[in-house]
Amino acid sequence: MEQKNWYVTFLMCALAGALIGYVVTLFVQPSLLPPLLRLGSLSQPVNVLVMGTDVVYSGHGRSLKADKSAYTGRSDTMMVARLDPYRNTLSVLSIPRDTWVRVPGHGTMKINAANSIGGPDLARETVQNLLNMPIDHYAVLNVNGLVDFVDEIGGITIDIPKRMRYVDNTAKLNIDLEPGVHKLNGIQAMGFVRFRHDTLGDIGRVQRQEMFIRAVLDRAMQPDSWAHVPELVNIARQNTATDMSISDISSMVSFIRGVPKGNQSLVMLPGDFSGTGNWVVDRAEIRRTIAKFCGSTFLETNRERLRVTILNQSSDRLLSRKLYQFLRKKGYRLISMKSNKEK
């Protein structure tokens, strides 16, 4: 065989080997690949508001029935997930349902009321104002979606911290869980997440929701669960009200299953109980939490203490003054301006 043919054969074998290695890694160990090289994954950071709603009932008296297709109830669960392909991280911020906030156009109340008053659009606006960060998409999940999701992946394993027993015939809840490590099916997982009859109330439920998410992520990392992705997307479509397309959801699922466990973080909105039992937030603590949530390396997140330098390289000499005035209105105080000669 001529030397030229050897080169061609070697090159083809090398390319084939690289392609096979890529495909195998993509399906077996996607976390080894940079996010931008994962087929169908995300290309830029995305913030998603995820809500689980209370059961909505219709009718009266004995004819009272749960509306399984309604998404207009109070938000029983509220979280913001940040998917960041640049840092290959998944961050989840839990917002207690009793958080005391201003709902645009409706005064001050618990944050879980926003969805029941104005739907997910008002809930998203409320959360954006609270966190001072953009929310790109929303997803409202009903109870059936949670049950079907867990059953589809074959259940989740959770270390239940204590005895959980509660019956509510009106809400069709019959929670009966023993302490210890158990594999929960969809109905049991729903009970675990919704239970709040303990001394911590809503905060205890937020902690259990974080345990639930961790268990789901651990299960999703197992290769045998990846074959369920198409059906999971279908379940999300049937049980979720969202502004995302199927392509958006598929890209997010593809990204999440490739995020290493060490790059996953779950935090709760900082605050404290008020005398009435509401969760009252600290604005300074929120700024610090959101800065870390978004991957900021700033040690100081107070706008009054941050130093900002404006360097105007445009032909518009007034542009730096306009920017200076804009930053002052936003709360920045330590602002300096430099000309091109001072670079």
Protein backbone atom coordinates (compact mmCIF):
# COMPACT_ATOMS: atom_id res chain seq x y z
CA MET A 1 0.00 0.00 0.00
CA GLU A 2 1.32 3.47 -0.91
CA GLN A 3 2.42 5.79 1.84
CA LYS A 4 -0.32 8.27 0.90
CA ASN A 5 -3.01 5.60 1.39
CA TRP A 6 -1.60 4.79 4.81
CA TYR A 7 -2.03 8.42 5.82
CA VAL A 8 -5.62 8.46 4.58
CA THR A 9 -6.43 5.19 6.37
CA PHE A 10 -4.84 6.39 9.59
CA LEU A 11 -6.72 9.71 9.43
CA MET A 12 -10.07 7.98 8.82
CA CYS A 13 -9.49 5.57 11.71
CA ALA A 14 -8.55 8.47 13.99
CA LEU A 15 -11.69 10.40 13.03
CA ALA A 16 -13.87 7.32 13.47
CA GLY A 17 -12.33 6.66 16.89
CA ALA A 18 -12.90 10.26 17.96
CA LEU A 19 -16.51 10.12 16.77
CA ILE A 20 -17.18 6.83 18.57
CA GLY A 21 -15.53 8.18 21.72
CA TYR A 22 -17.66 11.32 21.54
CA VAL A 23 -20.92 9.39 21.11
CA VAL A 24 -20.09 6.93 23.91
CA THR A 25 -19.09 9.76 26.27
CA LEU A 26 -22.21 11.73 25.34
CA PHE A 27 -24.51 8.90 26.40
CA VAL A 28 -22.48 7.21 29.15
CA GLN A 29 -20.59 10.07 30.87
CA PRO A 30 -21.80 13.44 29.47
CA SER A 31 -20.31 15.34 32.42
CA LEU A 32 -16.85 14.70 30.90
CA LEU A 33 -17.78 16.86 27.89
CA PRO A 34 -17.88 20.66 27.99
CA PRO A 35 -21.56 21.78 27.85
CA LEU A 36 -21.13 23.48 24.48
CA LEU A 37 -20.00 20.16 22.95
CA ARG A 38 -23.05 18.24 24.19
CA LEU A 39 -25.48 17.59 21.38
CA GLY A 40 -28.73 19.51 21.90
CA SER A 41 -27.56 21.16 25.13
CA LEU A 42 -27.72 24.82 26.19
CA SER A 43 -25.50 27.50 24.70
CA GLN A 44 -26.13 30.30 27.25
CA PRO A 45 -27.28 30.68 30.87
CA VAL A 46 -31.02 30.40 31.56
CA ASN A 47 -33.08 31.30 34.65
CA VAL A 48 -36.33 29.36 35.06
CA LEU A 49 -39.07 29.93 37.62
CA VAL A 50 -40.53 26.55 38.62
CA MET A 51 -43.78 26.41 40.56
CA GLY A 52 -45.95 23.62 41.89
CA THR A 53 -49.52 24.72 42.52
CA ASP A 54 -52.03 23.90 45.22
CA VAL A 55 -54.93 21.73 44.07
CA VAL A 56 -57.70 23.85 42.54
CA TYR A 57 -61.27 22.71 43.32
CA SER A 58 -64.50 23.32 41.43
CA GLY A 59 -68.11 22.78 42.52
CA HIS A 60 -69.67 22.97 45.98
CA GLY A 61 -70.38 20.63 48.88
CA ARG A 62 -70.41 16.97 47.89
CA SER A 63 -69.81 17.87 44.24
CA LEU A 64 -66.45 19.45 45.11
CA LYS A 65 -63.83 18.01 42.73
CA ALA A 66 -60.17 18.65 42.07
CA ASP A 67 -59.42 20.26 38.72
CA LYS A 68 -56.38 18.28 37.60
CA SER A 69 -55.72 20.57 34.61
CA ALA A 70 -55.76 23.90 36.52
CA TYR A 71 -52.58 25.89 37.09
CA THR A 72 -54.15 28.90 38.81
CA GLY A 73 -53.76 27.84 42.43
CA ARG A 74 -51.40 29.34 44.98
CA SER A 75 -47.80 28.29 44.41
CA ASP A 76 -47.26 25.43 46.86
CA THR A 77 -43.65 25.26 45.68
CA MET A 78 -41.57 28.07 44.17
CA MET A 79 -37.98 27.75 42.96
CA VAL A 80 -35.64 29.48 40.56
CA ALA A 81 -33.24 27.24 38.65
CA ARG A 82 -30.18 28.70 36.94
CA LEU A 83 -28.61 26.53 34.25
CA ASP A 84 -25.18 27.92 33.34
CA PRO A 85 -23.28 26.19 30.50
CA TYR A 86 -20.35 28.61 30.83
CA ARG A 87 -19.59 27.33 34.35
CA ASN A 88 -21.29 23.94 33.82
CA THR A 89 -23.40 24.48 36.93
CA LEU A 90 -26.97 23.93 38.07
CA SER A 91 -28.13 26.18 40.92
CA VAL A 92 -31.56 26.05 42.55
CA LEU A 93 -32.91 28.77 44.83
CA SER A 94 -35.93 27.82 46.94
CA ILE A 95 -38.38 30.60 47.84
CA PRO A 96 -40.59 29.86 50.88
CA ARG A 97 -44.27 30.21 49.99
CA ASP A 98 -44.81 32.44 53.03
CA THR A 99 -42.25 35.02 51.87
CA TRP A 100 -43.68 38.51 52.46
CA VAL A 101 -43.34 40.60 49.26
CA ARG A 102 -44.92 43.35 47.21
CA VAL A 103 -46.99 41.91 44.38
CA PRO A 104 -47.13 44.50 41.56
CA GLY A 105 -50.53 46.18 41.49
CA HIS A 106 -51.89 44.22 44.46
CA GLY A 107 -50.01 45.39 47.56
CA THR A 108 -47.95 43.37 50.04
CA MET A 109 -48.77 39.75 50.73
CA LYS A 110 -47.37 36.20 50.73
CA ILE A 111 -45.56 35.41 47.49
CA ASN A 112 -47.59 32.25 46.88
CA ALA A 113 -50.65 34.41 46.13
CA ALA A 114 -49.13 35.96 42.99
CA ASN A 115 -49.87 32.98 40.74
CA SER A 116 -53.48 32.70 41.90
CA ILE A 117 -54.05 36.43 41.30
CA GLY A 118 -52.36 36.98 37.95
CA GLY A 119 -50.98 33.64 36.80
CA PRO A 120 -47.33 32.81 36.06
CA ASP A 121 -46.67 36.18 34.40
CA LEU A 122 -47.44 38.07 37.63
CA ALA A 123 -45.54 35.46 39.66
CA ARG A 124 -42.51 35.90 37.39
CA GLU A 125 -42.67 39.71 37.69
CA THR A 126 -42.93 39.42 41.48
CA VAL A 127 -39.90 37.13 41.69
CA GLN A 128 -37.87 39.33 39.32
CA ASN A 129 -38.54 42.36 41.52
CA LEU A 130 -37.71 40.42 44.68
CA LEU A 131 -34.43 38.99 43.42
CA ASN A 132 -33.49 41.84 41.06
CA MET A 133 -32.56 39.34 38.35
CA PRO A 134 -34.20 38.37 35.04
CA ILE A 135 -36.38 35.27 34.79
CA ASP A 136 -36.24 33.88 31.25
CA HIS A 137 -38.93 31.21 31.48
CA TYR A 138 -41.53 29.75 33.81
CA ALA A 139 -42.98 26.28 34.35
CA VAL A 140 -46.04 25.54 36.50
CA LEU A 141 -46.34 21.87 37.44
CA ASN A 142 -49.48 20.25 38.79
CA VAL A 143 -49.55 17.37 41.28
CA ASN A 144 -50.15 14.69 38.64
CA GLY A 145 -46.98 15.72 36.86
CA LEU A 146 -44.90 15.14 39.98
CA VAL A 147 -46.41 11.70 40.57
CA ASP A 148 -45.99 10.59 36.94
CA PHE A 149 -42.45 11.96 36.78
CA VAL A 150 -41.24 9.99 39.80
CA ASP A 151 -43.00 6.81 38.68
CA GLU A 152 -41.48 7.09 35.20
CA ILE A 153 -37.89 7.11 36.54
CA GLY A 154 -38.66 4.14 38.78
CA GLY A 155 -38.98 5.99 42.08
CA ILE A 156 -36.47 7.95 44.15
CA THR A 157 -34.50 7.01 47.27
CA ILE A 158 -34.76 9.41 50.23
CA ASP A 159 -33.61 9.23 53.84
CA ILE A 160 -36.82 10.28 55.63
CA PRO A 161 -35.77 12.14 58.79
CA LYS A 162 -38.84 11.44 60.95
CA ARG A 163 -42.29 9.91 61.08
CA MET A 164 -44.66 11.72 58.72
CA ARG A 165 -48.37 11.09 59.18
CA TYR A 166 -51.16 13.36 57.95
CA VAL A 167 -54.60 12.81 56.42
CA ASP A 168 -56.60 15.49 54.58
CA ASN A 169 -59.66 14.04 52.87
CA THR A 170 -60.54 17.33 51.17
CA ALA A 171 -57.12 17.67 49.56
CA LYS A 172 -56.97 13.89 48.94
CA LEU A 173 -53.77 13.64 51.01
CA ASN A 174 -52.90 10.49 52.94
CA ILE A 175 -49.29 10.80 54.01
CA ASP A 176 -47.87 7.86 55.96
CA LEU A 177 -44.08 7.60 55.86
CA GLU A 178 -41.71 5.91 58.31
CA PRO A 179 -38.23 7.31 59.14
CA GLY A 180 -35.22 5.79 57.41
CA VAL A 181 -34.00 5.22 53.85
CA HIS A 182 -36.87 4.33 51.54
CA LYS A 183 -37.55 4.15 47.83
CA LEU A 184 -40.62 6.28 47.22
CA ASN A 185 -43.10 6.00 44.38
CA GLY A 186 -44.86 9.03 42.91
CA ILE A 187 -47.69 9.23 45.47
CA GLN A 188 -45.30 8.84 48.40
CA ALA A 189 -42.90 11.42 46.96
CA MET A 190 -45.77 13.89 46.58
CA GLY A 191 -46.68 13.37 50.24
CA PHE A 192 -43.06 13.85 51.31
CA VAL A 193 -42.82 17.14 49.40
CA ARG A 194 -46.19 18.56 50.48
CA PHE A 195 -46.05 17.62 54.18
CA ARG A 196 -45.69 20.72 56.38
CA HIS A 197 -47.18 19.71 59.74
CA ASP A 198 -44.07 20.04 61.86
CA THR A 199 -42.48 22.73 64.02
CA LEU A 200 -40.70 24.39 61.06
CA GLY A 201 -43.86 24.71 58.95
CA ASP A 202 -43.09 26.02 55.47
CA ILE A 203 -39.32 26.10 56.02
CA GLY A 204 -39.37 22.39 56.87
CA ARG A 205 -41.18 21.76 53.61
CA VAL A 206 -38.58 23.79 51.67
CA GLN A 207 -35.87 21.60 53.20
CA ARG A 208 -37.75 18.46 52.12
CA GLN A 209 -38.16 19.89 48.63
CA GLU A 210 -34.39 20.32 48.44
CA MET A 211 -33.96 16.69 49.55
CA PHE A 212 -36.42 15.67 46.84
CA ILE A 213 -34.54 17.59 44.14
CA ARG A 214 -31.24 16.07 45.25
CA ALA A 215 -32.75 12.57 45.06
CA VAL A 216 -34.16 13.27 41.58
CA LEU A 217 -30.80 14.58 40.34
CA ASP A 218 -28.98 11.56 41.77
CA ARG A 219 -31.45 9.26 40.00
CA ALA A 220 -31.16 11.23 36.76
CA MET A 221 -27.37 10.73 36.79
CA GLN A 222 -27.76 6.98 36.51
CA PRO A 223 -27.38 5.83 32.88
CA ASP A 224 -30.46 3.59 32.97
CA SER A 225 -32.68 6.64 33.55
CA TRP A 226 -31.63 8.37 30.33
CA ALA A 227 -33.80 6.11 28.22
CA HIS A 228 -36.78 7.72 29.95
CA VAL A 229 -35.95 11.24 28.73
CA PRO A 230 -38.47 11.25 25.81
CA GLU A 231 -41.31 10.14 28.10
CA LEU A 232 -40.26 12.62 30.79
CA VAL A 233 -40.47 15.42 28.24
CA ASN A 234 -43.92 14.13 27.27
CA ILE A 235 -45.02 14.11 30.93
CA ALA A 236 -43.78 17.68 31.32
CA ARG A 237 -45.76 18.68 28.24
CA GLN A 238 -48.98 17.13 29.54
CA ASN A 239 -48.74 18.35 33.13
CA THR A 240 -47.01 21.71 32.86
CA ALA A 241 -48.06 25.22 31.84
CA THR A 242 -44.95 26.87 30.43
CA ASP A 243 -43.69 29.41 27.94
CA MET A 244 -40.91 27.02 26.87
CA SER A 245 -40.93 24.98 23.69
CA ILE A 246 -40.24 21.25 23.53
CA SER A 247 -36.84 22.13 22.11
CA ASP A 248 -36.12 24.36 25.13
CA ILE A 249 -37.11 21.63 27.57
CA SER A 250 -35.07 18.97 25.75
CA SER A 251 -31.99 21.22 25.77
CA MET A 252 -32.34 21.80 29.50
CA VAL A 253 -32.80 18.10 30.25
CA SER A 254 -29.73 17.32 28.13
CA PHE A 255 -27.71 19.93 30.01
CA ILE A 256 -28.86 18.94 33.52
CA ARG A 257 -27.99 15.26 33.14
CA GLY A 258 -24.42 16.25 32.26
CA VAL A 259 -23.77 18.54 35.23
CA PRO A 260 -21.41 16.88 37.77
CA LYS A 261 -22.77 16.48 41.29
CA GLY A 262 -20.12 18.83 42.64
CA ASN A 263 -21.44 21.58 40.35
CA GLN A 264 -25.01 21.32 41.66
CA SER A 265 -26.10 23.62 44.48
CA LEU A 266 -29.38 24.14 46.34
CA VAL A 267 -29.94 27.17 48.56
CA MET A 268 -32.90 28.81 50.28
CA LEU A 269 -33.83 32.48 50.10
CA PRO A 270 -32.28 34.08 53.22
CA GLY A 271 -34.61 35.62 55.78
CA ASP A 272 -36.27 35.04 59.13
CA PHE A 273 -39.71 34.52 60.65
CA SER A 274 -41.78 37.56 61.56
CA GLY A 275 -44.08 37.73 64.56
CA THR A 276 -46.97 36.59 62.33
CA GLY A 277 -45.05 33.59 60.96
CA ASN A 278 -44.26 35.11 57.55
CA TRP A 279 -40.80 34.79 56.00
CA VAL A 280 -39.21 38.27 55.90
CA VAL A 281 -36.19 38.74 53.63
CA ASP A 282 -33.08 40.83 54.12
CA ARG A 283 -32.30 42.85 50.96
CA ALA A 284 -28.54 42.90 51.58
CA GLU A 285 -28.51 39.13 52.10
CA ILE A 286 -30.53 38.66 48.90
CA ARG A 287 -27.96 40.64 46.91
CA ARG A 288 -25.12 38.51 48.26
CA THR A 289 -27.05 35.28 47.66
CA ILE A 290 -27.97 36.21 44.07
CA ALA A 291 -24.40 37.29 43.33
CA LYS A 292 -23.14 33.83 44.33
CA PHE A 293 -26.13 32.20 42.61
CA CYS A 294 -25.12 33.83 39.31
CA GLY A 295 -21.43 33.03 39.75
CA SER A 296 -20.22 36.52 40.64
CA THR A 297 -16.68 36.75 42.02
CA PHE A 298 -17.33 40.13 43.65
CA LEU A 299 -16.64 40.11 47.36
CA GLU A 300 -18.93 43.11 47.83
CA THR A 301 -22.45 43.25 46.35
CA ASN A 302 -23.65 46.47 47.99
CA ARG A 303 -23.97 48.99 45.16
CA GLU A 304 -23.01 51.88 47.44
CA ARG A 305 -19.63 50.25 48.11
CA LEU A 306 -18.77 48.97 44.64
CA ARG A 307 -16.21 51.06 42.72
CA VAL A 308 -17.10 51.68 39.07
CA THR A 309 -14.83 53.30 36.47
CA ILE A 310 -16.30 54.69 33.25
CA LEU A 311 -14.02 54.85 30.21
CA ASN A 312 -15.68 56.52 27.22
CA GLN A 313 -14.18 55.33 23.94
CA SER A 314 -17.05 56.52 21.76
CA SER A 315 -17.32 59.73 19.73
CA ASP A 316 -20.14 60.96 21.97
CA ARG A 317 -18.51 62.96 24.74
CA LEU A 318 -21.76 63.19 26.68
CA LEU A 319 -22.21 59.42 26.80
CA SER A 320 -20.08 58.96 29.93
CA ARG A 321 -22.06 61.65 31.74
CA LYS A 322 -25.34 59.95 30.80
CA LEU A 323 -24.01 56.62 32.07
CA TYR A 324 -22.80 58.30 35.26
CA GLN A 325 -26.29 59.69 35.95
CA PHE A 326 -27.88 56.32 35.15
CA LEU A 327 -25.61 54.49 37.61
CA ARG A 328 -26.27 57.08 40.30
CA LYS A 329 -30.02 56.47 39.95
CA LYS A 330 -29.38 52.73 40.33
CA GLY A 331 -27.67 53.28 43.67
CA TYR A 332 -23.95 53.27 42.73
CA ARG A 333 -21.97 55.97 44.57
CA LEU A 334 -18.24 55.31 44.03
CA ILE A 335 -18.06 56.24 40.33
CA SER A 336 -15.06 57.72 38.52
CA MET A 337 -14.63 58.72 34.87
CA LYS A 338 -11.50 58.50 32.73
CA SER A 339 -10.63 59.76 29.30
CA ASN A 340 -8.80 57.74 26.61
CA LYS A 341 -5.51 59.43 27.57
CA GLU A 342 -5.78 58.09 31.12
CA LYS A 343 -6.05 54.41 30.13
